[in-house]
Protein backbone atom coordinates (compact mmCIF):
# COMPACT_ATOMS: atom_id res chain seq x y z
CA UNK A 1 72.60 22.90 139.46
CA UNK A 2 72.24 21.62 143.36
CA UNK A 3 70.34 24.23 145.10
CA UNK A 4 69.45 26.15 142.36
CA UNK A 5 65.46 27.36 141.49
CA UNK A 6 64.61 26.15 138.50
CA UNK A 7 62.36 27.94 136.54
CA UNK A 8 60.41 26.89 133.03
CA UNK A 9 58.39 28.89 130.91
CA UNK A 10 56.62 27.65 127.97
CA UNK A 11 53.79 29.02 125.78
CA UNK A 12 52.14 25.51 125.23
CA UNK A 13 49.54 26.99 122.19
CA UNK A 14 46.71 25.03 123.46
CA UNK A 15 47.49 22.52 126.28
CA UNK A 16 44.93 19.70 125.26
CA UNK A 17 46.52 19.48 122.04
CA UNK A 18 50.08 19.60 123.74
CA UNK A 19 49.34 16.76 125.85
CA UNK A 20 48.66 14.50 122.75
CA UNK A 21 52.39 15.34 121.63
CA UNK A 22 54.24 13.72 124.88
CA UNK A 23 53.62 16.73 127.24
CA UNK A 24 53.45 14.58 130.67
CA UNK A 25 57.18 13.11 129.61
CA UNK A 26 58.52 16.55 128.33
CA UNK A 27 57.59 18.25 131.92
CA UNK A 28 58.76 15.17 134.03
CA UNK A 29 62.36 15.78 132.01
CA UNK A 30 62.06 19.50 133.16
CA UNK A 31 62.45 18.63 136.99
CA UNK A 32 61.63 22.37 137.58
CA UNK A 33 60.69 24.08 140.72
CA UNK A 34 58.19 26.18 138.69
CA UNK A 35 56.70 25.27 135.29
CA UNK A 36 54.57 28.39 134.05
CA UNK A 37 52.38 27.74 130.93
CA UNK A 38 50.83 30.06 128.70
CA UNK A 39 47.87 30.09 126.15
CA UNK A 40 46.28 26.93 127.60
CA UNK A 41 42.91 27.78 125.76
CA UNK A 42 41.17 26.11 128.31
CA UNK A 43 37.97 26.59 130.58
CA UNK A 44 37.87 25.28 134.19
CA UNK A 45 37.14 21.84 134.42
CA UNK A 46 38.70 21.31 130.62
CA UNK A 47 41.49 19.16 132.01
CA UNK A 48 42.52 17.03 135.22
CA UNK A 49 46.27 17.41 134.62
CA UNK A 50 48.32 16.85 137.39
CA UNK A 51 51.59 15.79 138.55
CA UNK A 52 53.14 14.24 141.78
CA UNK A 53 54.59 16.79 144.15
CA UNK A 54 53.07 19.75 142.09
CA UNK A 55 50.12 21.98 142.93
CA UNK A 56 48.87 24.02 139.85
CA UNK A 57 47.05 27.28 139.72
CA UNK A 58 45.03 28.75 136.54
CA UNK A 59 43.89 31.51 135.25
CA UNK A 60 41.11 31.33 132.72
CA UNK A 61 40.17 33.72 129.81
CA UNK A 62 36.28 35.03 129.80
CA UNK A 63 36.40 33.80 125.71
CA UNK A 64 36.35 29.96 125.53
CA UNK A 65 39.53 28.33 123.40
CA UNK A 66 41.79 31.16 124.24
CA UNK A 67 44.51 32.79 125.97
CA UNK A 68 45.00 31.57 129.62
CA UNK A 69 47.91 31.06 132.15
CA UNK A 70 48.59 27.99 134.49
CA UNK A 71 51.69 27.26 137.27
CA UNK A 72 52.73 24.27 138.54
CA UNK A 73 55.04 24.64 141.65
CA UNK A 74 56.45 22.09 143.91
CA UNK A 75 57.00 25.16 146.47
CA UNK A 76 54.16 26.32 148.30
CA UNK A 77 53.67 30.21 147.86
CA UNK A 78 52.61 32.45 150.40
CA UNK A 79 49.94 33.94 148.36
CA UNK A 80 48.74 33.94 144.74
CA UNK A 81 46.65 36.09 142.91
CA UNK A 82 45.34 36.48 139.22
CA UNK A 83 45.23 39.35 137.07
CA UNK A 84 46.74 42.82 137.83
CA UNK A 85 43.53 44.03 139.26
CA UNK A 86 42.05 46.10 136.68
CA UNK A 87 39.03 44.90 135.10
CA UNK A 88 39.84 46.19 131.49
CA UNK A 89 43.18 44.19 131.74
CA UNK A 90 41.85 41.01 133.32
CA UNK A 91 39.14 39.47 131.80
CA UNK A 92 41.55 37.18 129.29
CA UNK A 93 43.28 34.96 131.74
CA UNK A 94 46.93 36.69 131.16
CA UNK A 95 48.48 37.10 134.81
CA UNK A 96 49.52 34.82 137.73
CA UNK A 97 51.62 36.05 140.25
CA UNK A 98 53.11 33.58 143.23
CA UNK A 99 54.30 35.42 146.41
CA UNK A 100 57.39 33.11 147.33
CA UNK A 101 59.45 33.98 150.39
CA UNK A 102 61.99 35.88 148.72
CA UNK A 103 60.53 37.05 145.17
CA UNK A 104 57.01 37.17 143.81
CA UNK A 105 57.08 35.09 140.29
CA UNK A 106 54.66 36.72 137.28
CA UNK A 107 53.78 34.16 134.90
CA UNK A 108 52.32 36.50 131.73
CA UNK A 109 50.89 35.94 128.44
CA UNK A 110 51.49 39.71 126.81
CA UNK A 111 48.33 40.68 124.49
CA UNK A 112 49.25 40.31 120.73
CA UNK A 113 48.73 43.47 118.75
CA UNK A 114 47.16 41.33 115.60
CA UNK A 115 47.65 41.67 111.88
CA UNK A 116 47.20 45.15 110.82
CA UNK A 117 48.38 46.05 114.36
CA UNK A 118 44.43 46.20 115.51
CA UNK A 119 45.37 45.96 119.04
CA UNK A 120 48.23 48.16 119.60
CA UNK A 121 46.69 50.76 121.14
CA UNK A 122 45.35 48.43 123.71
CA UNK A 123 48.32 46.54 123.79
CA UNK A 124 50.15 50.02 124.80
CA UNK A 125 47.59 50.89 127.68
CA UNK A 126 47.95 46.91 128.64
CA UNK A 127 52.53 47.87 128.66
CA UNK A 128 52.17 50.72 131.04
CA UNK A 129 49.43 49.05 133.41
CA UNK A 130 51.81 46.13 133.91
CA UNK A 131 55.16 47.72 134.46
CA UNK A 132 53.14 49.37 136.80
CA UNK A 133 52.08 46.15 138.29
CA UNK A 134 55.73 44.87 138.74
CA UNK A 135 56.81 47.97 139.92
CA UNK A 136 54.38 47.83 142.84
CA UNK A 137 55.27 44.24 143.63
CA UNK A 138 59.16 44.81 142.98
CA UNK A 139 58.57 47.61 146.18
CA UNK A 140 58.55 44.41 148.67
CA UNK A 141 60.94 42.08 147.00
CA UNK A 142 62.47 41.27 143.60
CA UNK A 143 60.22 40.09 141.21
CA UNK A 144 60.84 37.10 138.55
CA UNK A 145 58.64 37.47 135.26
CA UNK A 146 58.51 35.10 132.73
CA UNK A 147 56.13 34.31 129.73
CA UNK A 148 55.59 34.64 126.46
CA UNK A 149 55.85 38.53 126.19
CA UNK A 150 55.15 39.11 122.32
CA UNK A 151 57.84 41.36 121.27
CA UNK A 152 61.38 40.64 119.69
CA UNK A 153 63.25 43.46 121.61
CA UNK A 154 66.38 44.39 119.33
CA UNK A 155 67.13 43.03 115.81
CA UNK A 156 69.44 40.01 117.13
CA UNK A 157 66.13 38.37 118.50
CA UNK A 158 64.24 37.67 115.42
CA UNK A 159 65.90 36.12 111.53
CA UNK A 160 64.25 38.98 109.62
CA UNK A 161 64.17 42.30 111.00
CA UNK A 162 64.45 44.71 108.03
CA UNK A 163 61.27 42.87 106.83
CA UNK A 164 59.04 43.08 110.00
CA UNK A 165 59.53 46.60 111.01
CA UNK A 166 55.64 47.01 110.88
CA UNK A 167 54.38 43.69 112.01
CA UNK A 168 53.10 42.70 115.34
CA UNK A 169 55.74 41.97 117.47
CA UNK A 170 58.43 44.42 116.22
CA UNK A 171 57.12 47.69 116.20
CA UNK A 172 58.99 50.55 117.39
CA UNK A 173 56.23 50.96 119.75
CA UNK A 174 56.21 47.35 121.53
CA UNK A 175 59.78 47.13 121.37
CA UNK A 176 59.99 50.89 123.25
CA UNK A 177 57.71 49.42 125.79
CA UNK A 178 60.22 46.52 126.44
CA UNK A 179 63.03 49.25 126.57
CA UNK A 180 60.81 51.01 129.02
CA UNK A 181 60.51 47.90 131.28
CA UNK A 182 64.13 47.30 131.50
CA UNK A 183 64.97 50.86 132.26
CA UNK A 184 62.40 50.43 135.38
CA UNK A 185 64.98 48.34 136.93
CA UNK A 186 64.74 44.74 135.25
CA UNK A 187 66.97 42.22 133.13
CA UNK A 188 66.47 40.02 130.18
CA UNK A 189 68.20 37.10 131.86
CA UNK A 190 69.10 35.66 128.30
CA UNK A 191 70.64 38.78 126.91
CA UNK A 192 72.49 39.44 129.98
CA UNK A 193 74.13 35.41 130.40
CA UNK A 194 74.47 35.49 126.06
CA UNK A 195 74.90 38.84 124.65
CA UNK A 196 75.38 37.92 121.09
CA UNK A 197 74.08 34.80 121.06
CA UNK A 198 70.89 34.08 118.35
CA UNK A 199 68.44 31.59 119.28
CA UNK A 200 65.21 31.92 119.17
CA UNK A 201 61.55 30.77 121.03
CA UNK A 202 59.05 31.07 118.19
CA UNK A 203 58.33 30.00 114.66
CA UNK A 204 55.62 30.81 112.56
CA UNK A 205 53.70 27.91 111.34
CA UNK A 206 54.05 28.75 107.80
CA UNK A 207 56.76 28.37 105.02
CA UNK A 208 58.47 25.79 107.29
CA UNK A 209 59.60 28.41 108.89
CA UNK A 210 60.98 26.01 112.01
CA UNK A 211 63.14 23.86 109.71
CA UNK A 212 64.70 26.85 108.84
CA UNK A 213 65.12 28.44 111.75
CA UNK A 214 63.53 31.89 110.81
CA UNK A 215 62.12 32.36 114.64
CA UNK A 216 61.72 35.10 116.64
CA UNK A 217 62.52 35.27 120.55
CA UNK A 218 59.89 36.62 122.37
CA UNK A 219 59.67 34.32 125.48
CA UNK A 220 61.40 35.90 128.19
CA UNK A 221 62.65 35.32 131.72
CA UNK A 222 63.15 39.16 133.11
CA UNK A 223 64.43 39.57 137.08
CA UNK A 224 64.58 42.69 139.19
CA UNK A 225 67.92 44.14 138.72
CA UNK A 226 68.50 43.03 142.49
CA UNK A 227 67.92 39.54 141.84
CA UNK A 228 70.77 39.83 138.83
CA UNK A 229 73.13 38.45 141.22
CA UNK A 230 71.52 35.30 141.43
CA UNK A 231 70.73 34.21 137.87
CA UNK A 232 72.90 31.11 137.54
CA UNK A 233 72.04 29.84 134.12
CA UNK A 234 69.26 30.51 131.30
CA UNK A 235 68.23 28.69 128.18
CA UNK A 236 66.21 27.95 125.20
CA UNK A 237 65.22 24.72 124.75
CA UNK A 238 64.64 25.09 120.79
CA UNK A 239 64.68 21.23 120.85
CA UNK A 240 61.65 20.59 122.35
CA UNK A 241 58.46 20.20 120.14
CA UNK A 242 54.62 20.30 120.59
CA UNK A 243 54.02 24.14 120.26
CA UNK A 244 54.84 26.71 117.64
CA UNK A 245 57.13 27.92 120.81
CA UNK A 246 59.91 26.36 122.95
CA UNK A 247 60.22 26.28 126.63
CA UNK A 248 62.39 28.66 128.26
CA UNK A 249 64.46 28.39 131.28
CA UNK A 250 65.97 30.10 134.42
CA UNK A 251 67.75 28.72 137.32
CA UNK A 252 68.44 30.96 140.01
CA UNK A 253 70.87 30.25 143.21
C-alpha cells in the first residue's frame, strides 16, 4: 500500500464510550491518512481527544448526545466546510467536507428513517439535497463519500432481506435513492471490488446478532466514477469491536 492514500470510516456510536474500549489503540493501528467518524454524540468541549500528526475537524448536532461527525487527517486540506448549506438539513452535525488538492472528501451520517418510518419523508428530502450537494462538488473535482449511509442497497447487503422489506434501511424508497445516487456518477467501492462477497458493517445489539453475523452493510465508501480507476483496495474490518458498527476502509492510488 506504499504511496496509497488510506481512508477509514467508522460509526462509533458514542465516541466517549468507545474511548473506554481501546479506541486510541485501534486508531493508531489504522495508520490512515483520514479517519472519519460518525455518531460521535458530542458537544464542543466534551473531549480533548487528539493524536500526534493529525488535525481534527468536528461537526456537532444542536441536540445534545446525538449524531455528530468528525474527521482526523494527517494531510492538510485546502478548505473545510460543515453541512450542505441548507438550514433545514444542517442542525444535526451530519456532514463534514474536506477539499483536498485532487478530490473532495465528504464524511456523512445519513439520517435514519426510524421505527415506524416516522422520518422517511424527511429522509427522502435529505437524500435529494445531499445528492445535489455532491453533484455540485463533483463539478470541480472527484469526490470521495464515506460514512454510515443507513441503507442496505441490495439483498446481498443484509442477512434477512425478506423480513426487512418494510424496515428502516431497507425500504424500496431508501434503496431507490441509493440507486439514484450511484446512477448520478458514483461507484460503491466495496461492491465494485467484491461483487459477490457477503460482509456486513452493522449488527443490532439485540438477539446476539453480531455473534450470529446477522448483519447489514450500511457503511460505505463511494467515489466519483472518475476516481474509480484509482481504487486500490477496500475492506470491512468486522473483527474490530467497540461499536455496533465496524470500520470500513478505502485505499486510493
